[in-house]
Protein backbone atom coordinates (compact mmCIF):
# COMPACT_ATOMS: atom_id res chain seq x y z
CA MET A 1 0.00 0.00 0.00
CA ARG A 2 1.03 3.59 -0.66
CA PHE A 3 0.11 6.47 1.65
CA SER A 4 -0.73 10.09 0.98
CA TYR A 5 -2.23 13.05 2.83
CA VAL A 6 -5.09 15.23 1.61
CA LEU A 7 -4.17 18.89 1.08
CA PRO A 8 -6.50 21.78 0.19
CA ASP A 9 -6.81 23.03 -3.38
CA PRO A 10 -3.38 24.59 -4.07
CA VAL A 11 -5.02 27.73 -5.47
CA SER A 12 -6.79 28.29 -2.13
CA TYR A 13 -3.60 29.02 -0.21
CA SER A 14 -0.03 30.11 -0.81
CA TRP A 15 1.97 28.03 -3.27
CA ASP A 16 4.93 28.44 -0.93
CA GLU A 17 2.88 26.85 1.85
CA PHE A 18 1.74 24.08 -0.47
CA GLU A 19 5.31 23.29 -1.47
CA SER A 20 6.36 23.39 2.17
CA ASP A 21 3.64 20.86 2.99
CA LEU A 22 4.84 18.60 0.18
CA ALA A 23 8.45 18.85 1.37
CA LEU A 24 7.44 17.88 4.90
CA MET A 25 5.37 14.96 3.62
CA LYS A 26 8.33 13.71 1.60
CA GLU A 27 10.63 14.03 4.60
CA LEU A 28 8.24 12.07 6.82
CA GLY A 29 7.80 9.21 4.37
CA TYR A 30 4.52 9.81 2.57
CA ASP A 31 4.46 8.32 -0.93
CA ALA A 32 2.20 10.81 -2.73
CA VAL A 33 -0.38 13.54 -2.23
CA GLU A 34 -4.13 13.94 -2.70
CA VAL A 35 -5.66 17.39 -3.18
CA GLN A 36 -9.06 19.00 -3.27
CA ILE A 37 -9.87 20.71 -6.56
CA VAL A 38 -12.83 22.98 -7.23
CA ASP A 39 -12.44 23.09 -11.00
CA PRO A 40 -9.51 22.00 -13.20
CA ALA A 41 -10.16 25.08 -15.35
CA ASP A 42 -8.88 27.21 -12.46
CA ALA A 43 -5.97 24.94 -11.52
CA ASN A 44 -2.43 26.03 -12.26
CA GLU A 45 -1.47 22.71 -13.81
CA GLU A 46 2.07 23.74 -14.68
CA ARG A 47 2.79 25.02 -11.16
CA LEU A 48 1.26 21.91 -9.62
CA ARG A 49 3.31 19.61 -11.82
CA LYS A 50 6.52 21.48 -10.94
CA ALA A 51 5.73 21.29 -7.22
CA LEU A 52 5.13 17.54 -7.45
CA ASP A 53 8.25 16.94 -9.53
CA LYS A 54 10.36 18.88 -7.02
CA VAL A 55 9.71 16.27 -4.32
CA GLY A 56 9.19 13.31 -6.63
CA PHE A 57 5.52 12.89 -5.75
CA GLU A 58 2.62 11.72 -7.86
CA LEU A 59 -0.87 13.14 -7.55
CA MET A 60 -2.44 9.97 -6.18
CA ALA A 61 -5.98 11.28 -6.33
CA PHE A 62 -8.06 14.42 -6.06
CA GLN A 63 -11.40 15.20 -4.48
CA THR A 64 -14.29 16.79 -6.35
CA GLY A 65 -16.89 17.31 -3.62
CA ILE A 66 -15.79 20.81 -2.72
CA SER A 67 -17.42 21.94 -5.97
CA TYR A 68 -20.81 21.00 -4.50
CA TYR A 69 -20.28 23.16 -1.43
CA THR A 70 -18.75 26.15 -3.19
CA GLN A 71 -20.43 26.12 -6.61
CA GLY A 72 -23.66 24.19 -6.05
CA ASN A 73 -22.82 21.61 -8.69
CA CYS A 74 -24.71 18.32 -8.39
CA LEU A 75 -26.18 15.58 -10.56
CA ASN A 76 -29.57 15.13 -8.92
CA SER A 77 -30.73 18.71 -9.51
CA PRO A 78 -34.11 19.27 -11.21
CA ASP A 79 -32.39 22.09 -13.10
CA ALA A 80 -31.06 20.65 -16.35
CA ALA A 81 -28.50 23.46 -16.61
CA VAL A 82 -27.00 22.53 -13.23
CA ARG A 83 -26.81 18.87 -14.24
CA LYS A 84 -25.17 19.73 -17.56
CA ARG A 85 -22.52 21.96 -16.01
CA THR A 86 -21.79 19.24 -13.44
CA VAL A 87 -21.35 16.61 -16.16
CA ASP A 88 -19.13 19.04 -18.08
CA LEU A 89 -17.13 19.62 -14.88
CA LEU A 90 -16.68 15.90 -14.33
CA LYS A 91 -15.43 15.49 -17.88
CA ARG A 92 -12.87 18.24 -17.20
CA PHE A 93 -11.87 16.32 -14.10
CA VAL A 94 -11.38 13.21 -16.25
CA ASP A 95 -9.16 15.12 -18.68
CA PHE A 96 -7.20 16.54 -15.76
CA ALA A 97 -6.82 13.13 -14.15
CA GLN A 98 -5.55 11.64 -17.40
CA GLY A 99 -2.70 14.14 -17.47
CA PHE A 100 -1.60 13.17 -13.95
CA SER A 101 -2.57 9.47 -14.00
CA SER A 102 -4.71 10.24 -10.95
CA ILE A 103 -7.84 8.77 -9.45
CA ILE A 104 -10.96 10.94 -9.22
CA VAL A 105 -12.81 10.81 -5.89
CA PHE A 106 -16.56 11.17 -6.46
CA GLY A 107 -19.44 11.20 -3.98
CA SER A 108 -20.78 14.55 -2.77
CA LEU A 109 -21.52 15.75 -6.29
CA GLN A 110 -24.49 13.38 -6.29
CA GLY A 111 -26.38 16.00 -4.27
CA ARG A 112 -28.70 16.01 -1.27
CA ALA A 113 -32.40 15.50 -0.67
CA SER A 114 -32.78 19.26 -0.42
CA ASP A 115 -31.65 19.51 -4.05
CA GLU A 116 -34.29 16.99 -5.19
CA PRO A 117 -36.89 15.78 -2.65
CA ASP A 118 -38.06 12.98 -4.98
CA HIS A 119 -35.44 10.34 -4.27
CA GLN A 120 -36.09 8.17 -7.32
CA LYS A 121 -35.98 11.10 -9.71
CA GLY A 122 -32.70 12.24 -8.21
CA LEU A 123 -31.23 8.74 -8.34
CA ASP A 124 -32.26 8.25 -11.96
CA ARG A 125 -30.53 11.51 -12.91
CA ILE A 126 -27.36 10.50 -11.07
CA LEU A 127 -27.20 7.08 -12.70
CA ASP A 128 -27.85 8.49 -16.14
CA ALA A 129 -25.14 11.12 -15.76
CA MET A 130 -22.60 8.71 -14.29
CA LYS A 131 -23.07 6.24 -17.11
CA THR A 132 -22.14 9.03 -19.51
CA VAL A 133 -19.20 10.25 -17.42
CA GLY A 134 -18.13 6.69 -16.63
CA GLN A 135 -17.93 5.82 -20.30
CA TYR A 136 -15.97 9.01 -20.93
CA ALA A 137 -13.54 8.03 -18.16
CA THR A 138 -13.25 4.49 -19.49
CA ASP A 139 -12.39 5.80 -22.95
CA LYS A 140 -9.65 7.96 -21.39
CA ASN A 141 -8.32 5.11 -19.22
CA VAL A 142 -9.17 7.10 -16.08
CA VAL A 143 -10.77 5.76 -12.89
CA ILE A 144 -13.57 7.50 -11.01
CA ALA A 145 -13.53 6.12 -7.46
CA TYR A 146 -17.19 6.14 -6.36
CA GLU A 147 -17.34 6.84 -2.63
CA PRO A 148 -20.19 5.73 -0.34
CA VAL A 149 -20.89 8.95 1.57
CA ASN A 150 -22.90 8.85 4.80
CA HIS A 151 -26.60 9.73 4.80
CA LEU A 152 -26.03 13.03 6.62
CA GLU A 153 -24.03 14.36 3.66
CA THR A 154 -25.80 12.89 0.65
CA ALA A 155 -29.10 11.15 -0.01
CA TYR A 156 -27.72 8.51 -2.33
CA ASN A 157 -25.56 5.39 -2.33
CA ASN A 158 -24.52 5.63 1.31
CA SER A 159 -23.41 2.04 1.80
CA ILE A 160 -20.63 -0.04 0.31
CA ALA A 161 -23.22 -2.57 -0.89
CA SER A 162 -25.10 0.14 -2.78
CA VAL A 163 -22.01 1.44 -4.58
CA GLU A 164 -20.74 -2.09 -5.20
CA LYS A 165 -23.99 -2.96 -6.98
CA LEU A 166 -23.90 0.26 -8.97
CA THR A 167 -20.29 -0.35 -9.98
CA ARG A 168 -20.88 -3.94 -11.02
CA ASP A 169 -24.06 -3.01 -12.91
CA PHE A 170 -22.22 -0.29 -14.83
CA ASN A 171 -19.44 -2.76 -15.70
CA LEU A 172 -17.20 0.11 -16.77
CA PRO A 173 -13.48 0.06 -15.91
CA GLY A 174 -13.73 3.83 -15.48
CA VAL A 175 -16.07 3.51 -12.49
CA GLN A 176 -14.70 1.66 -9.47
CA LEU A 177 -15.28 1.67 -5.71
CA MET A 178 -13.54 3.43 -2.85
CA VAL A 179 -14.13 3.52 0.91
CA ASP A 180 -13.67 6.18 3.58
CA THR A 181 -13.38 5.03 7.19
CA PHE A 182 -15.30 8.05 8.49
CA HIS A 183 -18.32 7.20 6.35
CA ILE A 184 -18.25 3.43 6.81
CA ASN A 185 -18.06 3.91 10.58
CA ILE A 186 -21.47 5.57 10.30
CA GLU A 187 -23.10 3.37 7.67
CA GLU A 188 -21.66 -0.14 8.09
CA VAL A 189 -22.24 -2.75 10.79
CA SER A 190 -18.57 -3.76 10.80
CA MET A 191 -15.48 -1.75 9.92
CA ASP A 192 -13.71 -4.82 8.54
CA HIS A 193 -16.26 -7.35 7.29
CA CYS A 194 -17.70 -4.66 5.01
CA LEU A 195 -14.53 -5.04 2.92
CA ASP A 196 -15.18 -8.69 2.12
CA GLY A 197 -15.92 -9.41 -1.53
CA ILE A 198 -14.91 -6.03 -2.96
CA HIS A 199 -11.17 -6.43 -3.43
CA ASP A 200 -11.52 -6.66 -7.22
CA ILE A 201 -13.18 -3.24 -7.55
CA LEU A 202 -11.64 -1.38 -4.58
CA ARG A 203 -9.38 1.28 -6.08
CA HIS A 204 -8.87 3.87 -3.35
CA VAL A 205 -9.14 4.27 0.43
CA HIS A 206 -9.53 7.26 2.73
CA LEU A 207 -8.22 6.89 6.27
CA SER A 208 -10.20 9.35 8.37
CA GLU A 209 -10.86 9.33 12.10
CA THR A 210 -14.36 9.04 13.52
CA ASN A 211 -14.17 12.68 14.62
CA ARG A 212 -12.32 13.74 11.45
CA ASP A 213 -9.38 14.91 13.53
CA VAL A 214 -5.89 13.38 13.42
CA LEU A 215 -5.47 9.61 13.43
CA GLY A 216 -5.60 8.20 16.93
CA SER A 217 -7.89 10.91 18.33
CA GLY A 218 -11.12 8.98 17.75
CA HIS A 219 -12.29 5.42 18.40
CA TRP A 220 -11.55 3.82 15.03
CA ASP A 221 -9.14 0.83 15.20
CA THR A 222 -6.57 1.90 12.62
CA GLU A 223 -4.41 -1.18 13.03
CA ALA A 224 -7.27 -3.65 12.57
CA PHE A 225 -8.45 -1.85 9.44
CA LEU A 226 -4.99 -1.82 7.86
CA LYS A 227 -4.63 -5.52 8.65
CA LYS A 228 -7.94 -6.20 6.93
CA LEU A 229 -6.84 -4.29 3.84
CA ARG A 230 -3.74 -6.46 3.66
CA GLU A 231 -5.79 -9.62 4.17
CA ILE A 232 -8.05 -8.89 1.20
CA GLY A 233 -5.01 -8.16 -0.95
CA TYR A 234 -5.46 -4.42 -1.31
CA ASP A 235 -2.27 -2.82 -2.62
CA GLY A 236 -3.54 0.57 -3.79
CA GLY A 237 -3.44 4.05 -2.32
CA CYS A 238 -4.58 5.20 1.12
CA SER A 239 -5.04 8.92 1.74
CA ILE A 240 -5.27 10.40 5.22
CA GLY A 241 -7.91 13.12 5.58
CA VAL A 242 -8.14 15.53 8.53
CA PHE A 243 -11.04 17.98 8.27
CA ASN A 244 -11.95 18.92 11.85
CA THR A 245 -9.02 19.97 14.00
CA SER A 246 -7.54 22.84 16.00
CA LEU A 247 -4.02 21.81 15.00
CA THR A 248 -1.98 23.30 12.20
CA ARG A 249 -1.86 21.41 8.92
CA GLN A 250 1.80 20.47 9.40
CA GLU A 251 1.14 19.25 12.94
CA CYS A 252 -1.58 17.01 11.52
CA ILE A 253 0.73 15.73 8.79
CA ARG A 254 3.35 14.78 11.40
CA ILE A 255 0.98 13.19 13.92
CA CYS A 256 -0.81 11.12 11.31
CA MET A 257 2.45 9.74 9.93
CA ASP A 258 3.60 8.87 13.46
CA VAL A 259 0.41 6.87 14.00
CA LEU A 260 0.59 5.34 10.54
CA MET A 261 4.20 4.22 10.89
CA ARG A 262 3.41 2.57 14.21
CA HIS A 263 0.55 0.60 12.68
CA LYS A 264 2.41 -0.15 9.45
CA VAL A 265 5.08 -1.89 11.51
CA GLU A 266 2.50 -3.84 13.50
CA THR A 267 0.44 -4.93 10.50
CA ALA A 268 3.52 -6.04 8.58
CA ARG A 269 4.40 -8.63 11.22
């Protein structure tokens, strides 16, 4: 397994700070980075590539959900114009991902019940759009990692079983499954048995504490989860996400790697 840390969209804070974060991650032993991106059209691709090359990192993956919260983009909207611009955005994400050989994290852009109160109508729109985008991704040899997001954040496909069925029904190499420990802690009965039977379509993992603070500050058993990933033969990327903390970003980066290294040693025995 390879490990990365999720950083904000580079255009949202100083490039010097971003490069400093990357340098620290490299020093501590991270393998790559994951970033949040609002829209590839606004990304400084050349600057990002130079920053990654400087430390020898790849862009493991990038998150798309921030576009829902900042731009109102979603696929379940009754407004055809909103749906079209979201599909167009996702296609730009695919093109961007192709250039970096990155995985696209998708989940929040499905939308919420407040966007479309009729659940079936919203679901039908999402499935229709994702078949189109999924085929586009497949044609570009890009993977969209479909994330089961908890029911408090989206009205659709909250469980691993739901996204597994969707992924297998689509039968498109460009649409695969990912899991996030924060979400599965809410939605699944077991934090480890929920991984059984999905190893062939599991393409990305988010390691996130139950309180979304640094690893080790909640009640999630990090070691047991990493052991389970190894048991099912997962050898892809794992990104650490911290989204609710009073610590500085670099403090979080350090603490999470300390915890991770401790558990990596234990699970390798």
